[in-house]
Amino acid sequence: MATYLGDRFAESWWQPQLELSLLGVLSEVGFYTAWFAQHADNVADHERECAALEWWSKQARRGVEWLAS
């Protein structure tokens, strides 16, 4: 993105947009990720989905920080 926009790219604008967007996406996909983690057919799938849920949770916390400030 920064390469494409050059001087027009402002990380101070982009970062909040990204983190708030990921918070919104979690509200759409979080249930499914959690469900698949809980109902995985094998250990590998369970671990993969738990790792994904952990990643999404971290992103959500970053988005919430923008709402709290």
PDB file of N, CA and C in Angstrom:
ATOM      1  N   MET A   1       0.816  -1.174   0.000  1.00  0.00           N
ATOM      2  CA  MET A   1       0.000   0.000   0.000  1.00  0.00           C
ATOM      3  C   MET A   1       0.873   1.254   0.000  1.00  0.00           C
ATOM      4  N   ALA A   2       1.867   1.270   0.863  1.00  0.00           N
ATOM      5  CA  ALA A   2       2.752   2.431   0.948  1.00  0.00           C
ATOM      6  C   ALA A   2       3.495   2.649  -0.364  1.00  0.00           C
ATOM      7  N   THR A   3       3.910   1.560  -1.008  1.00  0.00           N
ATOM      8  CA  THR A   3       4.608   1.676  -2.285  1.00  0.00           C
ATOM      9  C   THR A   3       3.685   2.248  -3.350  1.00  0.00           C
ATOM     10  N   TYR A   4       2.459   1.794  -3.373  1.00  0.00           N
ATOM     11  CA  TYR A   4       1.491   2.244  -4.364  1.00  0.00           C
ATOM     12  C   TYR A   4       1.125   3.722  -4.167  1.00  0.00           C
ATOM     13  N   LEU A   5       0.898   4.138  -2.934  1.00  0.00           N
ATOM     14  CA  LEU A   5       0.465   5.505  -2.658  1.00  0.00           C
ATOM     15  C   LEU A   5       1.608   6.503  -2.549  1.00  0.00           C
ATOM     16  N   GLY A   6       2.807   6.013  -2.257  1.00  0.00           N
ATOM     17  CA  GLY A   6       3.958   6.915  -2.151  1.00  0.00           C
ATOM     18  C   GLY A   6       3.780   7.920  -1.031  1.00  0.00           C
ATOM     19  N   ASP A   7       3.975   9.201  -1.355  1.00  0.00           N
ATOM     20  CA  ASP A   7       3.890  10.270  -0.358  1.00  0.00           C
ATOM     21  C   ASP A   7       2.492  10.446   0.212  1.00  0.00           C
ATOM     22  N   ARG A   8       1.485   9.935  -0.472  1.00  0.00           N
ATOM     23  CA  ARG A   8       0.106  10.079   0.003  1.00  0.00           C
ATOM     24  C   ARG A   8      -0.230   9.099   1.130  1.00  0.00           C
ATOM     25  N   PHE A   9       0.628   8.106   1.348  1.00  0.00           N
ATOM     26  CA  PHE A   9       0.382   7.119   2.395  1.00  0.00           C
ATOM     27  C   PHE A   9       0.695   7.721   3.756  1.00  0.00           C
ATOM     28  N   ALA A  10      -0.256   7.653   4.653  1.00  0.00           N
ATOM     29  CA  ALA A  10      -0.046   8.138   6.019  1.00  0.00           C
ATOM     30  C   ALA A  10      -0.377   6.998   6.987  1.00  0.00           C
ATOM     31  N   GLU A  11       0.647   6.441   7.598  1.00  0.00           N
ATOM     32  CA  GLU A  11       0.421   5.324   8.512  1.00  0.00           C
ATOM     33  C   GLU A  11      -0.457   5.741   9.690  1.00  0.00           C
ATOM     34  N   SER A  12      -0.384   6.991  10.089  1.00  0.00           N
ATOM     35  CA  SER A  12      -1.213   7.464  11.207  1.00  0.00           C
ATOM     36  C   SER A  12      -2.698   7.402  10.862  1.00  0.00           C
ATOM     37  N   TRP A  13      -3.028   7.419   9.585  1.00  0.00           N
ATOM     38  CA  TRP A  13      -4.415   7.260   9.162  1.00  0.00           C
ATOM     39  C   TRP A  13      -4.718   5.787   8.890  1.00  0.00           C
ATOM     40  N   TRP A  14      -3.764   5.106   8.271  1.00  0.00           N
ATOM     41  CA  TRP A  14      -3.984   3.727   7.830  1.00  0.00           C
ATOM     42  C   TRP A  14      -4.115   2.748   8.993  1.00  0.00           C
ATOM     43  N   GLN A  15      -3.270   2.852   9.982  1.00  0.00           N
ATOM     44  CA  GLN A  15      -3.247   1.871  11.075  1.00  0.00           C
ATOM     45  C   GLN A  15      -4.585   1.793  11.818  1.00  0.00           C
ATOM     46  N   PRO A  16      -5.184   2.915  12.216  1.00  0.00           N
ATOM     47  CA  PRO A  16      -6.492   2.811  12.882  1.00  0.00           C
ATOM     48  C   PRO A  16      -7.561   2.187  11.979  1.00  0.00           C
ATOM     49  N   GLN A  17      -7.523   2.520  10.690  1.00  0.00           N
ATOM     50  CA  GLN A  17      -8.505   1.955   9.758  1.00  0.00           C
ATOM     51  C   GLN A  17      -8.364   0.443   9.672  1.00  0.00           C
ATOM     52  N   LEU A  18      -7.123  -0.012   9.591  1.00  0.00           N
ATOM     53  CA  LEU A  18      -6.858  -1.448   9.513  1.00  0.00           C
ATOM     54  C   LEU A  18      -7.318  -2.160  10.780  1.00  0.00           C
ATOM     55  N   GLU A  19      -6.929  -1.633  11.933  1.00  0.00           N
ATOM     56  CA  GLU A  19      -7.238  -2.309  13.187  1.00  0.00           C
ATOM     57  C   GLU A  19      -8.738  -2.293  13.486  1.00  0.00           C
ATOM     58  N   LEU A  20      -9.425  -1.209  13.168  1.00  0.00           N
ATOM     59  CA  LEU A  20     -10.879  -1.171  13.358  1.00  0.00           C
ATOM     60  C   LEU A  20     -11.586  -2.100  12.371  1.00  0.00           C
ATOM     61  N   SER A  21     -11.064  -2.192  11.165  1.00  0.00           N
ATOM     62  CA  SER A  21     -11.651  -3.104  10.172  1.00  0.00           C
ATOM     63  C   SER A  21     -11.517  -4.556  10.613  1.00  0.00           C
ATOM     64  N   LEU A  22     -10.357  -4.916  11.147  1.00  0.00           N
ATOM     65  CA  LEU A  22     -10.160  -6.286  11.617  1.00  0.00           C
ATOM     66  C   LEU A  22     -11.076  -6.601  12.792  1.00  0.00           C
ATOM     67  N   LEU A  23     -11.327  -5.617  13.646  1.00  0.00           N
ATOM     68  CA  LEU A  23     -12.286  -5.807  14.727  1.00  0.00           C
ATOM     69  C   LEU A  23     -13.666  -6.121  14.156  1.00  0.00           C
ATOM     70  N   GLY A  24     -14.059  -5.388  13.121  1.00  0.00           N
ATOM     71  CA  GLY A  24     -15.343  -5.641  12.475  1.00  0.00           C
ATOM     72  C   GLY A  24     -15.418  -7.011  11.831  1.00  0.00           C
ATOM     73  N   VAL A  25     -14.346  -7.423  11.186  1.00  0.00           N
ATOM     74  CA  VAL A  25     -14.332  -8.734  10.539  1.00  0.00           C
ATOM     75  C   VAL A  25     -14.437  -9.840  11.580  1.00  0.00           C
ATOM     76  N   LEU A  26     -13.796  -9.648  12.726  1.00  0.00           N
ATOM     77  CA  LEU A  26     -13.898 -10.665  13.785  1.00  0.00           C
ATOM     78  C   LEU A  26     -15.348 -10.883  14.187  1.00  0.00           C
ATOM     79  N   SER A  27     -16.134  -9.826  14.195  1.00  0.00           N
ATOM     80  CA  SER A  27     -17.540  -9.988  14.568  1.00  0.00           C
ATOM     81  C   SER A  27     -18.288 -10.864  13.562  1.00  0.00           C
ATOM     82  N   GLU A  28     -17.751 -10.964  12.352  1.00  0.00           N
ATOM     83  CA  GLU A  28     -18.369 -11.807  11.325  1.00  0.00           C
ATOM     84  C   GLU A  28     -17.817 -13.236  11.310  1.00  0.00           C
ATOM     85  N   VAL A  29     -16.521 -13.381  11.526  1.00  0.00           N
ATOM     86  CA  VAL A  29     -15.901 -14.704  11.377  1.00  0.00           C
ATOM     87  C   VAL A  29     -15.508 -15.359  12.702  1.00  0.00           C
ATOM     88  N   GLY A  30     -15.534 -14.607  13.789  1.00  0.00           N
ATOM     89  CA  GLY A  30     -15.089 -15.139  15.073  1.00  0.00           C
ATOM     90  C   GLY A  30     -15.869 -16.358  15.528  1.00  0.00           C
ATOM     91  N   PHE A  31     -17.172 -16.315  15.343  1.00  0.00           N
ATOM     92  CA  PHE A  31     -18.009 -17.449  15.745  1.00  0.00           C
ATOM     93  C   PHE A  31     -17.582 -18.724  15.020  1.00  0.00           C
ATOM     94  N   TYR A  32     -17.387 -18.615  13.716  1.00  0.00           N
ATOM     95  CA  TYR A  32     -17.031 -19.790  12.925  1.00  0.00           C
ATOM     96  C   TYR A  32     -15.659 -20.329  13.318  1.00  0.00           C
ATOM     97  N   THR A  33     -14.727 -19.424  13.522  1.00  0.00           N
ATOM     98  CA  THR A  33     -13.387 -19.856  13.923  1.00  0.00           C
ATOM     99  C   THR A  33     -13.446 -20.580  15.265  1.00  0.00           C
ATOM    100  N   ALA A  34     -14.178 -20.023  16.204  1.00  0.00           N
ATOM    101  CA  ALA A  34     -14.312 -20.660  17.525  1.00  0.00           C
ATOM    102  C   ALA A  34     -15.037 -21.999  17.413  1.00  0.00           C
ATOM    103  N   TRP A  35     -16.077 -22.048  16.597  1.00  0.00           N
ATOM    104  CA  TRP A  35     -16.836 -23.300  16.441  1.00  0.00           C
ATOM    105  C   TRP A  35     -15.953 -24.393  15.851  1.00  0.00           C
ATOM    106  N   PHE A  36     -15.202 -24.051  14.800  1.00  0.00           N
ATOM    107  CA  PHE A  36     -14.330 -25.052  14.182  1.00  0.00           C
ATOM    108  C   PHE A  36     -13.211 -25.470  15.124  1.00  0.00           C
ATOM    109  N   ALA A  37     -12.736 -24.565  15.959  1.00  0.00           N
ATOM    110  CA  ALA A  37     -11.710 -24.942  16.937  1.00  0.00           C
ATOM    111  C   ALA A  37     -12.279 -25.945  17.929  1.00  0.00           C
ATOM    112  N   GLN A  38     -13.492 -25.717  18.360  1.00  0.00           N
ATOM    113  CA  GLN A  38     -14.131 -26.593  19.352  1.00  0.00           C
ATOM    114  C   GLN A  38     -14.537 -27.947  18.761  1.00  0.00           C
ATOM    115  N   HIS A  39     -14.919 -27.968  17.498  1.00  0.00           N
ATOM    116  CA  HIS A  39     -15.450 -29.183  16.876  1.00  0.00           C
ATOM    117  C   HIS A  39     -14.512 -29.793  15.834  1.00  0.00           C
ATOM    118  N   ALA A  40     -13.234 -29.514  15.944  1.00  0.00           N
ATOM    119  CA  ALA A  40     -12.270 -30.052  14.982  1.00  0.00           C
ATOM    120  C   ALA A  40     -12.236 -31.574  15.040  1.00  0.00           C
ATOM    121  N   ASP A  41     -12.008 -32.177  13.888  1.00  0.00           N
ATOM    122  CA  ASP A  41     -11.962 -33.636  13.796  1.00  0.00           C
ATOM    123  C   ASP A  41     -10.627 -34.219  14.245  1.00  0.00           C
ATOM    124  N   ASN A  42      -9.593 -33.381  14.264  1.00  0.00           N
ATOM    125  CA  ASN A  42      -8.281 -33.886  14.666  1.00  0.00           C
ATOM    126  C   ASN A  42      -7.498 -32.781  15.365  1.00  0.00           C
ATOM    127  N   VAL A  43      -6.395 -33.161  15.956  1.00  0.00           N
ATOM    128  CA  VAL A  43      -5.587 -32.237  16.757  1.00  0.00           C
ATOM    129  C   VAL A  43      -5.009 -31.122  15.888  1.00  0.00           C
ATOM    130  N   ALA A  44      -4.553 -31.446  14.691  1.00  0.00           N
ATOM    131  CA  ALA A  44      -3.946 -30.436  13.821  1.00  0.00           C
ATOM    132  C   ALA A  44      -4.943 -29.331  13.470  1.00  0.00           C
ATOM    133  N   ASP A  45      -6.171 -29.724  13.132  1.00  0.00           N
ATOM    134  CA  ASP A  45      -7.199 -28.734  12.807  1.00  0.00           C
ATOM    135  C   ASP A  45      -7.551 -27.901  14.034  1.00  0.00           C
ATOM    136  N   HIS A  46      -7.642 -28.557  15.181  1.00  0.00           N
ATOM    137  CA  HIS A  46      -7.940 -27.842  16.425  1.00  0.00           C
ATOM    138  C   HIS A  46      -6.862 -26.799  16.728  1.00  0.00           C
ATOM    139  N   GLU A  47      -5.604 -27.199  16.612  1.00  0.00           N
ATOM    140  CA  GLU A  47      -4.501 -26.283  16.892  1.00  0.00           C
ATOM    141  C   GLU A  47      -4.474 -25.125  15.894  1.00  0.00           C
ATOM    142  N   ARG A  48      -4.727 -25.403  14.628  1.00  0.00           N
ATOM    143  CA  ARG A  48      -4.750 -24.360  13.607  1.00  0.00           C
ATOM    144  C   ARG A  48      -5.842 -23.348  13.895  1.00  0.00           C
ATOM    145  N   GLU A  49      -7.040 -23.824  14.217  1.00  0.00           N
ATOM    146  CA  GLU A  49      -8.156 -22.926  14.493  1.00  0.00           C
ATOM    147  C   GLU A  49      -7.946 -22.152  15.789  1.00  0.00           C
ATOM    148  N   CYS A  50      -7.353 -22.773  16.782  1.00  0.00           N
ATOM    149  CA  CYS A  50      -7.048 -22.059  18.036  1.00  0.00           C
ATOM    150  C   CYS A  50      -6.025 -20.957  17.778  1.00  0.00           C
ATOM    151  N   ALA A  51      -5.030 -21.244  16.951  1.00  0.00           N
ATOM    152  CA  ALA A  51      -4.035 -20.229  16.606  1.00  0.00           C
ATOM    153  C   ALA A  51      -4.686 -19.079  15.840  1.00  0.00           C
ATOM    154  N   ALA A  52      -5.596 -19.404  14.935  1.00  0.00           N
ATOM    155  CA  ALA A  52      -6.310 -18.361  14.196  1.00  0.00           C
ATOM    156  C   ALA A  52      -7.150 -17.517  15.146  1.00  0.00           C
ATOM    157  N   LEU A  53      -7.813 -18.154  16.072  1.00  0.00           N
ATOM    158  CA  LEU A  53      -8.639 -17.428  17.036  1.00  0.00           C
ATOM    159  C   LEU A  53      -7.777 -16.529  17.919  1.00  0.00           C
ATOM    160  N   GLU A  54      -6.620 -17.005  18.288  1.00  0.00           N
ATOM    161  CA  GLU A  54      -5.696 -16.189  19.078  1.00  0.00           C
ATOM    162  C   GLU A  54      -5.258 -14.955  18.276  1.00  0.00           C
ATOM    163  N   TRP A  55      -4.946 -15.141  16.993  1.00  0.00           N
ATOM    164  CA  TRP A  55      -4.548 -14.027  16.132  1.00  0.00           C
ATOM    165  C   TRP A  55      -5.677 -13.006  16.018  1.00  0.00           C
ATOM    166  N   TRP A  56      -6.896 -13.489  15.748  1.00  0.00           N
ATOM    167  CA  TRP A  56      -8.041 -12.595  15.618  1.00  0.00           C
ATOM    168  C   TRP A  56      -8.312 -11.848  16.923  1.00  0.00           C
ATOM    169  N   SER A  57      -8.151 -12.529  18.039  1.00  0.00           N
ATOM    170  CA  SER A  57      -8.367 -11.887  19.337  1.00  0.00           C
ATOM    171  C   SER A  57      -7.373 -10.756  19.566  1.00  0.00           C
ATOM    172  N   LYS A  58      -6.137 -10.988  19.180  1.00  0.00           N
ATOM    173  CA  LYS A  58      -5.112  -9.950  19.307  1.00  0.00           C
ATOM    174  C   LYS A  58      -5.473  -8.741  18.453  1.00  0.00           C
ATOM    175  N   GLN A  59      -5.923  -8.989  17.227  1.00  0.00           N
ATOM    176  CA  GLN A  59      -6.312  -7.887  16.344  1.00  0.00           C
ATOM    177  C   GLN A  59      -7.514  -7.130  16.913  1.00  0.00           C
ATOM    178  N   ALA A  60      -8.447  -7.863  17.486  1.00  0.00           N
ATOM    179  CA  ALA A  60      -9.644  -7.234  18.067  1.00  0.00           C
ATOM    180  C   ALA A  60      -9.265  -6.316  19.220  1.00  0.00           C
ATOM    181  N   ARG A  61      -8.341  -6.761  20.050  1.00  0.00           N
ATOM    182  CA  ARG A  61      -7.904  -5.916  21.172  1.00  0.00           C
ATOM    183  C   ARG A  61      -7.290  -4.621  20.668  1.00  0.00           C
ATOM    184  N   ARG A  62      -6.552  -4.679  19.571  1.00  0.00           N
ATOM    185  CA  ARG A  62      -5.978  -3.460  18.995  1.00  0.00           C
ATOM    186  C   ARG A  62      -7.081  -2.525  18.503  1.00  0.00           C
ATOM    187  N   GLY A  63      -8.103  -3.084  17.887  1.00  0.00           N
ATOM    188  CA  GLY A  63      -9.211  -2.268  17.429  1.00  0.00           C
ATOM    189  C   GLY A  63      -9.972  -1.636  18.577  1.00  0.00           C
ATOM    190  N   VAL A  64     -10.168  -2.390  19.645  1.00  0.00           N
ATOM    191  CA  VAL A  64     -10.878  -1.871  20.815  1.00  0.00           C
ATOM    192  C   VAL A  64     -10.114  -0.713  21.441  1.00  0.00           C
ATOM    193  N   GLU A  65      -8.798  -0.766  21.386  1.00  0.00           N
ATOM    194  CA  GLU A  65      -7.997   0.328  21.948  1.00  0.00           C
ATOM    195  C   GLU A  65      -8.318   1.649  21.252  1.00  0.00           C
ATOM    196  N   TRP A  66      -8.580   1.617  19.932  1.00  0.00           N
ATOM    197  CA  TRP A  66      -8.950   2.847  19.219  1.00  0.00           C
ATOM    198  C   TRP A  66     -10.312   3.355  19.680  1.00  0.00           C
ATOM    199  N   LEU A  67     -11.208   2.445  19.994  1.00  0.00           N
ATOM    200  CA  LEU A  67     -12.536   2.864  20.444  1.00  0.00           C
ATOM    201  C   LEU A  67     -12.489   3.423  21.859  1.00  0.00           C
ATOM    202  N   ALA A  68     -11.544   2.938  22.658  1.00  0.00           N
ATOM    203  CA  ALA A  68     -11.451   3.362  24.048  1.00  0.00           C
ATOM    204  C   ALA A  68     -10.715   4.701  24.206  1.00  0.00           C
ATOM    205  N   SER A  69      -9.988   5.101  23.162  1.00  0.00           N
ATOM    206  CA  SER A  69      -9.196   6.341  23.300  1.00  0.00           C
ATOM    207  C   SER A  69      -9.975   7.575  22.891  1.00  0.00           C
TER     208      SER A  69
END
